[in-house]
Amino acid sequence: MANEIFNRIHEDITTNDVVLYMKGAPVFPQDGYSAVMTQLLVTLNVPYLSVDVLEEPDLHQALKEFSNWPSVPQLYIKGVFIGGSDTVKELNASGELRQMLQDNGLLRA
């Protein structure tokens, strides 16, 4: 089962430029950390795939193992794990997140 879920995660993050695994949906985040992440991406005007881990407990657990990161939300850009809410907030504050997105051609005008 874990291999199937790992394959799904791998497919999600390699076929979508930006993926946010979160609790809830962008229009109705189920925790403050997920809300912060969705607001950040909206502010940057970045299209992304969101995946609600609350709908799939097996995915929620497998994601932690896949990324070796203990919590959700988790952000991936171009297949690379960027981090959770605190890390992404720090990258945004320093300008590194914007630069990362720009370097990958992901910022909309």
N, C-alpha and C. Protein backbone atom coordinates (compact mmCIF):
# COMPACT_ATOMS: atom_id res chain seq x y z
N MET A 1 0.82 -1.21 0.00
CA MET A 1 0.00 0.00 0.00
C MET A 1 0.85 1.26 0.00
N ALA A 2 1.91 1.26 0.82
CA ALA A 2 2.77 2.45 0.88
C ALA A 2 3.39 2.76 -0.47
N ASN A 3 3.81 1.73 -1.20
CA ASN A 3 4.40 1.96 -2.52
C ASN A 3 3.42 2.63 -3.47
N GLU A 4 2.16 2.19 -3.43
CA GLU A 4 1.14 2.81 -4.28
C GLU A 4 0.97 4.29 -3.93
N ILE A 5 0.94 4.58 -2.65
CA ILE A 5 0.76 5.97 -2.22
C ILE A 5 2.01 6.78 -2.55
N PHE A 6 3.20 6.21 -2.33
CA PHE A 6 4.44 6.91 -2.70
C PHE A 6 4.44 7.20 -4.20
N ASN A 7 3.99 6.24 -5.01
CA ASN A 7 3.92 6.46 -6.46
C ASN A 7 2.96 7.59 -6.79
N ARG A 8 1.85 7.65 -6.07
CA ARG A 8 0.89 8.73 -6.31
C ARG A 8 1.50 10.09 -5.95
N ILE A 9 2.17 10.16 -4.80
CA ILE A 9 2.82 11.40 -4.40
C ILE A 9 3.84 11.80 -5.46
N HIS A 10 4.65 10.85 -5.87
CA HIS A 10 5.67 11.13 -6.88
C HIS A 10 5.03 11.66 -8.17
N GLU A 11 3.94 11.04 -8.58
CA GLU A 11 3.25 11.51 -9.78
C GLU A 11 2.68 12.91 -9.59
N ASP A 12 2.07 13.16 -8.43
CA ASP A 12 1.54 14.50 -8.15
C ASP A 12 2.62 15.57 -8.29
N ILE A 13 3.76 15.32 -7.67
CA ILE A 13 4.79 16.37 -7.60
C ILE A 13 5.62 16.49 -8.87
N THR A 14 5.58 15.47 -9.72
CA THR A 14 6.34 15.57 -10.97
C THR A 14 5.48 16.01 -12.15
N THR A 15 4.17 15.88 -12.03
CA THR A 15 3.30 16.30 -13.14
C THR A 15 2.65 17.67 -12.88
N ASN A 16 2.89 18.23 -11.72
CA ASN A 16 2.37 19.57 -11.38
C ASN A 16 3.54 20.43 -10.91
N ASP A 17 3.58 21.66 -11.37
CA ASP A 17 4.69 22.55 -11.01
C ASP A 17 4.73 22.85 -9.51
N VAL A 18 3.56 23.09 -8.94
CA VAL A 18 3.49 23.43 -7.51
C VAL A 18 2.38 22.58 -6.89
N VAL A 19 2.72 21.91 -5.80
CA VAL A 19 1.74 21.07 -5.10
C VAL A 19 1.76 21.43 -3.62
N LEU A 20 0.58 21.63 -3.08
CA LEU A 20 0.43 21.88 -1.65
C LEU A 20 -0.43 20.78 -1.04
N TYR A 21 0.20 19.98 -0.19
CA TYR A 21 -0.54 19.01 0.61
C TYR A 21 -0.96 19.75 1.87
N MET A 22 -2.26 19.75 2.12
CA MET A 22 -2.78 20.58 3.21
C MET A 22 -3.94 19.90 3.90
N LYS A 23 -4.38 20.52 4.97
CA LYS A 23 -5.58 20.07 5.68
C LYS A 23 -6.72 20.96 5.23
N GLY A 24 -7.67 20.35 4.52
CA GLY A 24 -8.79 21.11 3.99
C GLY A 24 -8.55 21.48 2.53
N ALA A 25 -9.31 22.46 2.08
CA ALA A 25 -9.22 22.95 0.70
C ALA A 25 -8.83 24.42 0.73
N PRO A 26 -8.30 24.93 -0.37
CA PRO A 26 -7.89 26.35 -0.40
C PRO A 26 -9.01 27.30 0.02
N VAL A 27 -10.24 26.99 -0.35
CA VAL A 27 -11.35 27.88 0.02
C VAL A 27 -11.81 27.68 1.46
N PHE A 28 -11.38 26.56 2.07
CA PHE A 28 -11.77 26.28 3.45
C PHE A 28 -10.69 25.46 4.16
N PRO A 29 -9.53 26.10 4.43
CA PRO A 29 -8.46 25.38 5.13
C PRO A 29 -8.93 24.95 6.52
N GLN A 30 -8.45 23.79 6.96
CA GLN A 30 -8.88 23.24 8.25
C GLN A 30 -7.90 23.51 9.38
N ASP A 31 -6.83 24.22 9.11
CA ASP A 31 -5.94 24.68 10.19
C ASP A 31 -5.24 25.96 9.75
N GLY A 32 -4.70 26.65 10.72
CA GLY A 32 -4.07 27.93 10.45
C GLY A 32 -2.84 27.84 9.56
N TYR A 33 -2.10 26.75 9.68
CA TYR A 33 -0.89 26.58 8.87
C TYR A 33 -1.25 26.42 7.39
N SER A 34 -2.27 25.64 7.12
CA SER A 34 -2.73 25.47 5.75
C SER A 34 -3.29 26.79 5.20
N ALA A 35 -3.97 27.54 6.05
CA ALA A 35 -4.50 28.84 5.63
C ALA A 35 -3.38 29.79 5.25
N VAL A 36 -2.31 29.80 6.03
CA VAL A 36 -1.16 30.66 5.74
C VAL A 36 -0.56 30.29 4.39
N MET A 37 -0.39 29.00 4.14
CA MET A 37 0.22 28.55 2.89
C MET A 37 -0.64 28.92 1.69
N THR A 38 -1.94 28.69 1.78
CA THR A 38 -2.80 29.02 0.64
C THR A 38 -2.81 30.52 0.40
N GLN A 39 -2.84 31.31 1.46
CA GLN A 39 -2.84 32.76 1.30
C GLN A 39 -1.55 33.24 0.65
N LEU A 40 -0.44 32.65 1.03
CA LEU A 40 0.85 33.00 0.43
C LEU A 40 0.84 32.74 -1.07
N LEU A 41 0.37 31.56 -1.46
CA LEU A 41 0.35 31.21 -2.88
C LEU A 41 -0.63 32.08 -3.66
N VAL A 42 -1.75 32.42 -3.04
CA VAL A 42 -2.71 33.31 -3.68
C VAL A 42 -2.09 34.70 -3.86
N THR A 43 -1.43 35.19 -2.82
CA THR A 43 -0.79 36.50 -2.88
C THR A 43 0.26 36.55 -3.98
N LEU A 44 1.00 35.46 -4.15
CA LEU A 44 2.02 35.39 -5.20
C LEU A 44 1.42 35.08 -6.57
N ASN A 45 0.12 34.79 -6.60
CA ASN A 45 -0.59 34.49 -7.85
C ASN A 45 0.00 33.26 -8.55
N VAL A 46 0.27 32.22 -7.75
CA VAL A 46 0.88 31.00 -8.25
C VAL A 46 -0.18 29.91 -8.36
N PRO A 47 -0.38 29.36 -9.56
CA PRO A 47 -1.30 28.23 -9.67
C PRO A 47 -0.69 26.99 -9.02
N TYR A 48 -1.53 26.20 -8.38
CA TYR A 48 -1.01 25.02 -7.68
C TYR A 48 -2.10 23.97 -7.54
N LEU A 49 -1.64 22.74 -7.38
CA LEU A 49 -2.53 21.64 -7.06
C LEU A 49 -2.59 21.54 -5.55
N SER A 50 -3.78 21.49 -5.00
CA SER A 50 -3.92 21.26 -3.56
C SER A 50 -4.49 19.87 -3.33
N VAL A 51 -3.98 19.21 -2.31
CA VAL A 51 -4.43 17.87 -1.96
C VAL A 51 -4.80 17.88 -0.48
N ASP A 52 -6.03 17.54 -0.19
CA ASP A 52 -6.53 17.51 1.19
C ASP A 52 -6.19 16.17 1.83
N VAL A 53 -5.24 16.18 2.75
CA VAL A 53 -4.80 14.94 3.39
C VAL A 53 -5.82 14.42 4.40
N LEU A 54 -6.75 15.26 4.83
CA LEU A 54 -7.76 14.81 5.79
C LEU A 54 -8.73 13.82 5.16
N GLU A 55 -8.86 13.86 3.84
CA GLU A 55 -9.75 12.94 3.15
C GLU A 55 -9.14 11.55 3.01
N GLU A 56 -7.81 11.46 3.18
CA GLU A 56 -7.12 10.19 2.99
C GLU A 56 -6.06 9.99 4.08
N PRO A 57 -6.43 9.38 5.20
CA PRO A 57 -5.48 9.18 6.29
C PRO A 57 -4.21 8.43 5.88
N ASP A 58 -4.33 7.46 4.97
CA ASP A 58 -3.14 6.73 4.51
C ASP A 58 -2.17 7.66 3.78
N LEU A 59 -2.72 8.56 2.98
CA LEU A 59 -1.89 9.54 2.27
C LEU A 59 -1.21 10.47 3.27
N HIS A 60 -1.95 10.90 4.26
CA HIS A 60 -1.42 11.80 5.29
C HIS A 60 -0.18 11.19 5.94
N GLN A 61 -0.27 9.94 6.35
CA GLN A 61 0.85 9.27 6.99
C GLN A 61 1.99 9.02 6.00
N ALA A 62 1.67 8.55 4.82
CA ALA A 62 2.70 8.25 3.82
C ALA A 62 3.47 9.50 3.41
N LEU A 63 2.79 10.62 3.36
CA LEU A 63 3.44 11.88 2.98
C LEU A 63 4.54 12.24 3.96
N LYS A 64 4.30 12.02 5.24
CA LYS A 64 5.31 12.30 6.26
C LYS A 64 6.54 11.42 6.05
N GLU A 65 6.32 10.17 5.68
CA GLU A 65 7.43 9.26 5.41
C GLU A 65 8.13 9.62 4.11
N PHE A 66 7.37 9.96 3.10
CA PHE A 66 7.91 10.29 1.78
C PHE A 66 8.88 11.46 1.87
N SER A 67 8.46 12.50 2.60
CA SER A 67 9.26 13.73 2.68
C SER A 67 10.22 13.74 3.87
N ASN A 68 10.03 12.79 4.78
CA ASN A 68 10.77 12.80 6.04
C ASN A 68 10.54 14.12 6.78
N TRP A 69 9.30 14.56 6.75
CA TRP A 69 8.88 15.81 7.40
C TRP A 69 7.66 15.47 8.25
N PRO A 70 7.63 15.88 9.52
CA PRO A 70 6.61 15.37 10.44
C PRO A 70 5.22 15.99 10.36
N SER A 71 5.06 17.02 9.56
CA SER A 71 3.77 17.71 9.62
C SER A 71 3.28 18.13 8.23
N VAL A 72 2.04 18.55 8.21
CA VAL A 72 1.36 19.06 7.02
C VAL A 72 0.84 20.44 7.41
N PRO A 73 0.93 21.43 6.56
CA PRO A 73 1.09 21.37 5.11
C PRO A 73 2.54 21.17 4.66
N GLN A 74 2.64 20.72 3.40
CA GLN A 74 3.93 20.54 2.75
C GLN A 74 3.84 21.11 1.34
N LEU A 75 4.85 21.88 0.97
CA LEU A 75 4.90 22.50 -0.35
C LEU A 75 6.01 21.89 -1.19
N TYR A 76 5.67 21.57 -2.44
CA TYR A 76 6.63 21.07 -3.42
C TYR A 76 6.62 22.00 -4.62
N ILE A 77 7.79 22.31 -5.13
CA ILE A 77 7.93 23.09 -6.35
C ILE A 77 8.81 22.31 -7.30
N LYS A 78 8.26 22.03 -8.48
CA LYS A 78 8.98 21.27 -9.52
C LYS A 78 9.55 19.97 -8.96
N GLY A 79 8.75 19.28 -8.14
CA GLY A 79 9.14 17.98 -7.61
C GLY A 79 10.05 18.02 -6.41
N VAL A 80 10.40 19.21 -5.95
CA VAL A 80 11.32 19.35 -4.82
C VAL A 80 10.55 19.78 -3.57
N PHE A 81 10.76 19.06 -2.48
CA PHE A 81 10.13 19.43 -1.22
C PHE A 81 10.74 20.74 -0.71
N ILE A 82 9.90 21.74 -0.49
CA ILE A 82 10.36 23.05 -0.03
C ILE A 82 10.27 23.15 1.48
N GLY A 83 9.18 22.68 2.06
CA GLY A 83 9.05 22.72 3.51
C GLY A 83 7.61 22.88 3.95
N GLY A 84 7.49 23.08 5.25
CA GLY A 84 6.20 23.32 5.86
C GLY A 84 5.93 24.81 5.99
N SER A 85 4.93 25.14 6.74
CA SER A 85 4.47 26.52 6.86
C SER A 85 5.55 27.48 7.36
N ASP A 86 6.22 27.14 8.44
CA ASP A 86 7.23 28.05 8.98
C ASP A 86 8.38 28.27 8.01
N THR A 87 8.85 27.19 7.40
CA THR A 87 9.94 27.29 6.43
C THR A 87 9.54 28.15 5.24
N VAL A 88 8.35 27.91 4.72
CA VAL A 88 7.89 28.66 3.55
C VAL A 88 7.67 30.13 3.90
N LYS A 89 7.17 30.41 5.10
CA LYS A 89 7.02 31.81 5.53
C LYS A 89 8.38 32.51 5.57
N GLU A 90 9.40 31.81 6.10
CA GLU A 90 10.75 32.38 6.17
C GLU A 90 11.30 32.61 4.76
N LEU A 91 11.11 31.64 3.87
CA LEU A 91 11.58 31.79 2.49
C LEU A 91 10.87 32.96 1.81
N ASN A 92 9.61 33.14 2.11
CA ASN A 92 8.87 34.26 1.53
C ASN A 92 9.39 35.59 2.08
N ALA A 93 9.60 35.66 3.38
CA ALA A 93 10.07 36.90 4.00
C ALA A 93 11.44 37.32 3.47
N SER A 94 12.29 36.34 3.17
CA SER A 94 13.63 36.65 2.68
C SER A 94 13.67 36.92 1.18
N GLY A 95 12.56 36.64 0.48
CA GLY A 95 12.53 36.80 -0.97
C GLY A 95 12.95 35.55 -1.73
N GLU A 96 13.41 34.54 -1.00
CA GLU A 96 13.88 33.31 -1.65
C GLU A 96 12.75 32.54 -2.34
N LEU A 97 11.55 32.55 -1.76
CA LEU A 97 10.43 31.84 -2.36
C LEU A 97 10.09 32.46 -3.70
N ARG A 98 9.99 33.76 -3.74
CA ARG A 98 9.68 34.46 -5.00
C ARG A 98 10.76 34.16 -6.04
N GLN A 99 12.02 34.19 -5.62
CA GLN A 99 13.12 33.91 -6.53
C GLN A 99 13.05 32.49 -7.06
N MET A 100 12.74 31.55 -6.18
CA MET A 100 12.61 30.15 -6.57
C MET A 100 11.51 29.98 -7.62
N LEU A 101 10.39 30.62 -7.38
CA LEU A 101 9.28 30.55 -8.32
C LEU A 101 9.63 31.22 -9.64
N GLN A 102 10.30 32.35 -9.55
CA GLN A 102 10.70 33.08 -10.75
C GLN A 102 11.72 32.27 -11.56
N ASP A 103 12.68 31.67 -10.89
CA ASP A 103 13.69 30.87 -11.56
C ASP A 103 13.08 29.68 -12.31
N ASN A 104 11.94 29.21 -11.81
CA ASN A 104 11.25 28.09 -12.45
C ASN A 104 10.14 28.53 -13.40
N GLY A 105 10.06 29.84 -13.66
CA GLY A 105 9.06 30.35 -14.59
C GLY A 105 7.64 30.20 -14.12
N LEU A 106 7.42 30.29 -12.82
CA LEU A 106 6.11 30.02 -12.25
C LEU A 106 5.35 31.24 -11.76
N LEU A 107 5.95 32.41 -11.83
CA LEU A 107 5.25 33.60 -11.37
C LEU A 107 4.45 34.18 -12.54
N ARG A 108 3.18 34.43 -12.28
CA ARG A 108 2.32 35.07 -13.27
C ARG A 108 2.51 36.56 -13.16
N ALA A 109 2.28 37.23 -14.26
CA ALA A 109 2.40 38.69 -14.27
C ALA A 109 1.28 39.33 -13.49
